Amino acid sequence: MAGGRNGTPRRRLPEGQGNRPAKQAGLATATARNSRKGDVIGSKVFVGNLTFDTTSEEIEALFVQVGEVSSVSVPTDRMSGRPRGFAFVEFVRSEDAAKAIEQLDGHELGGRRLRVNEATDRPAPGGGGGGGYGAGPSSGRAFRPAPRPPRPKGSRRNARARKRSIW
């Protein structure tokens, strides 16, 4: 046993107890592998290139042929209130979503070829505004205003004298 702080002996705990988690064969790696982006298809599907008069009932009728649909969302424009030309279809099982992407991508609905792929999360809001030197979105630096010119040193009398000597 090695000595701990203040010369007291340090007790060794069996693996799995204490501050550090025990390594379990394959369990930690499987969950880490499944949590990585792109490894497992989610149960939500993006449907693009819809006509503006396509209803959620029509979309649901098409996607029910592939698997059990839990919800259909057709976002509308805030100003006009009409559909924006895309929809989100959520399936009960992720296998059905993968099947829908495979079978219905390029399918024709209302005279248009549908674009069907996995729905991704929206990018975080932010950015925008300001230009400035080195403050672009990919520069990695925060915006800093231009530095001020240094203040003249010396008393006010010296500053006035210098002004007079220039003229």
Protein backbone atom coordinates (compact mmCIF):
# COMPACT_ATOMS: atom_id res chain seq x y z
CA MET A 1 0.00 0.00 0.00
CA ALA A 2 1.28 3.42 -0.91
CA GLY A 3 1.15 6.31 1.49
CA GLY A 4 -1.55 8.92 1.07
CA ARG A 5 -1.63 12.49 2.30
CA ASN A 6 -0.35 13.13 5.79
CA GLY A 7 1.45 9.77 5.79
CA THR A 8 -1.75 7.72 6.20
CA PRO A 9 -1.91 4.47 4.26
CA ARG A 10 -4.16 4.50 1.21
CA ARG A 11 -6.78 1.77 0.97
CA ARG A 12 -7.15 0.09 -2.39
CA LEU A 13 -10.77 -0.46 -3.47
CA PRO A 14 -11.87 -3.36 -5.66
CA GLU A 15 -12.48 -2.52 -9.33
CA GLY A 16 -15.90 -0.97 -9.92
CA GLN A 17 -15.98 0.86 -6.60
CA GLY A 18 -14.70 4.33 -5.92
CA ASN A 19 -14.49 7.35 -8.19
CA ARG A 20 -13.64 5.61 -11.46
CA PRO A 21 -16.23 3.45 -13.28
CA ALA A 22 -15.32 -0.16 -13.99
CA LYS A 23 -14.63 -1.16 -17.56
CA GLN A 24 -17.34 -3.52 -18.68
CA ALA A 25 -16.58 -5.71 -21.65
CA GLY A 26 -18.15 -4.15 -24.76
CA LEU A 27 -20.95 -2.32 -22.95
CA ALA A 28 -19.36 1.13 -22.80
CA THR A 29 -18.06 0.92 -26.36
CA ALA A 30 -21.43 -0.14 -27.78
CA THR A 31 -23.29 2.76 -26.19
CA ALA A 32 -20.59 5.21 -27.24
CA ARG A 33 -20.72 3.83 -30.77
CA ASN A 34 -24.52 4.20 -30.97
CA SER A 35 -24.48 7.75 -29.61
CA ARG A 36 -22.16 8.99 -32.35
CA LYS A 37 -23.84 11.10 -35.00
CA GLY A 38 -24.69 9.29 -38.21
CA ASP A 39 -24.38 5.72 -36.88
CA VAL A 40 -28.05 5.22 -36.08
CA ILE A 41 -30.84 6.72 -38.18
CA GLY A 42 -33.42 8.57 -36.10
CA SER A 43 -37.14 8.02 -36.46
CA LYS A 44 -37.77 11.48 -37.99
CA VAL A 45 -37.59 12.03 -41.75
CA PHE A 46 -37.39 15.26 -43.76
CA VAL A 47 -39.56 15.42 -46.89
CA GLY A 48 -38.65 18.21 -49.31
CA ASN A 49 -39.78 19.58 -52.68
CA LEU A 50 -43.49 19.40 -51.85
CA THR A 51 -46.08 21.50 -53.66
CA PHE A 52 -47.59 24.28 -51.57
CA ASP A 53 -51.03 22.67 -51.65
CA THR A 54 -49.89 19.26 -50.34
CA THR A 55 -51.69 18.36 -47.11
CA SER A 56 -50.43 16.39 -44.13
CA GLU A 57 -53.10 13.73 -44.86
CA GLU A 58 -51.64 13.12 -48.34
CA ILE A 59 -48.13 12.82 -46.90
CA GLU A 60 -49.31 10.47 -44.16
CA ALA A 61 -51.17 8.29 -46.69
CA LEU A 62 -47.94 7.93 -48.70
CA PHE A 63 -45.67 7.16 -45.74
CA VAL A 64 -48.07 4.73 -44.00
CA GLN A 65 -47.34 2.33 -46.89
CA VAL A 66 -43.76 2.04 -45.60
CA GLY A 67 -44.30 1.87 -41.83
CA GLU A 68 -46.27 3.08 -38.81
CA VAL A 69 -46.32 6.90 -38.73
CA SER A 70 -46.60 8.64 -35.35
CA SER A 71 -46.87 12.25 -36.61
CA VAL A 72 -46.68 14.48 -39.68
CA SER A 73 -45.65 18.13 -39.37
CA VAL A 74 -46.05 20.59 -42.25
CA PRO A 75 -44.51 23.96 -41.26
CA THR A 76 -46.36 27.03 -42.55
CA ASP A 77 -45.13 30.48 -43.49
CA ARG A 78 -45.69 33.04 -40.72
CA MET A 79 -46.82 35.81 -43.05
CA SER A 80 -49.01 34.00 -45.59
CA GLY A 81 -50.00 30.94 -43.55
CA ARG A 82 -49.46 28.57 -46.47
CA PRO A 83 -47.18 25.50 -46.30
CA ARG A 84 -43.46 26.11 -46.90
CA GLY A 85 -42.86 23.19 -49.27
CA PHE A 86 -41.42 20.64 -46.86
CA ALA A 87 -42.59 18.39 -44.04
CA PHE A 88 -41.35 16.17 -41.22
CA VAL A 89 -42.64 12.63 -40.79
CA GLU A 90 -41.97 10.83 -37.53
CA PHE A 91 -42.12 7.04 -37.44
CA VAL A 92 -42.67 4.77 -34.46
CA ARG A 93 -39.57 2.68 -35.35
CA SER A 94 -36.29 3.92 -36.79
CA GLU A 95 -36.18 0.92 -39.15
CA ASP A 96 -39.32 2.26 -40.86
CA ALA A 97 -37.64 5.65 -41.27
CA ALA A 98 -34.65 4.02 -42.95
CA LYS A 99 -37.00 2.09 -45.25
CA ALA A 100 -38.90 5.28 -46.14
CA ILE A 101 -35.68 7.07 -47.09
CA GLU A 102 -34.65 4.14 -49.24
CA GLN A 103 -38.00 3.63 -50.99
CA LEU A 104 -39.54 7.10 -51.28
CA ASP A 105 -36.55 9.31 -52.14
CA GLY A 106 -37.29 10.45 -55.70
CA HIS A 107 -40.93 9.31 -55.54
CA GLU A 108 -43.35 11.58 -57.43
CA LEU A 109 -46.15 13.35 -55.53
CA GLY A 110 -48.20 16.14 -57.10
CA GLY A 111 -45.95 16.24 -60.18
CA ARG A 112 -42.74 16.74 -58.14
CA ARG A 113 -39.96 14.37 -57.18
CA LEU A 114 -39.75 14.17 -53.39
CA ARG A 115 -36.51 14.55 -51.53
CA VAL A 116 -36.58 12.25 -48.50
CA ASN A 117 -33.69 12.05 -46.03
CA GLU A 118 -32.97 11.93 -42.31
CA ALA A 119 -34.09 15.00 -40.38
CA THR A 120 -31.20 16.81 -38.72
CA ASP A 121 -31.22 19.21 -35.80
CA ARG A 122 -31.33 22.90 -36.51
CA PRO A 123 -28.04 24.76 -36.15
CA ALA A 124 -27.77 26.78 -32.94
CA PRO A 125 -29.01 30.35 -33.30
CA GLY A 126 -26.43 33.07 -33.11
CA GLY A 127 -23.76 34.55 -35.26
CA GLY A 128 -24.73 37.37 -37.58
CA GLY A 129 -23.98 41.02 -36.98
CA GLY A 130 -20.62 42.77 -36.89
CA GLY A 131 -17.85 42.58 -39.40
CA GLY A 132 -14.62 43.82 -38.02
CA TYR A 133 -11.15 42.52 -38.59
CA GLY A 134 -10.69 38.87 -37.70
CA ALA A 135 -14.19 38.50 -36.32
CA GLY A 136 -15.64 36.29 -39.02
CA PRO A 137 -17.56 33.16 -38.12
CA SER A 138 -14.59 30.89 -38.86
CA SER A 139 -11.83 33.02 -37.36
CA GLY A 140 -12.31 31.63 -33.85
CA ARG A 141 -11.68 35.04 -32.30
CA ALA A 142 -14.15 37.31 -30.59
CA PHE A 143 -14.86 40.76 -32.03
CA ARG A 144 -12.58 43.47 -30.64
CA PRO A 145 -12.98 47.13 -31.53
CA ALA A 146 -10.08 48.94 -33.18
CA PRO A 147 -7.48 50.12 -30.67
CA ARG A 148 -7.55 53.79 -29.66
CA PRO A 149 -4.58 55.99 -30.46
CA PRO A 150 -2.35 56.50 -27.41
CA ARG A 151 -2.99 59.56 -25.25
CA PRO A 152 -0.29 62.22 -25.33
CA LYS A 153 1.99 62.16 -22.34
CA GLY A 154 2.81 65.21 -20.31
CA SER A 155 0.84 68.07 -18.86
CA ARG A 156 -1.84 70.04 -20.69
CA ARG A 157 0.59 72.95 -21.00
CA ASN A 158 3.03 70.78 -22.97
CA ALA A 159 0.23 69.60 -25.25
CA ARG A 160 -0.79 73.22 -26.00
CA ALA A 161 2.83 74.17 -26.64
CA ARG A 162 3.24 71.33 -29.08
CA LYS A 163 0.09 72.41 -30.93
CA ARG A 164 1.40 75.95 -31.21
CA SER A 165 4.73 74.79 -32.53
CA ILE A 166 3.06 72.81 -35.33
CA TRP A 167 1.23 75.85 -36.67
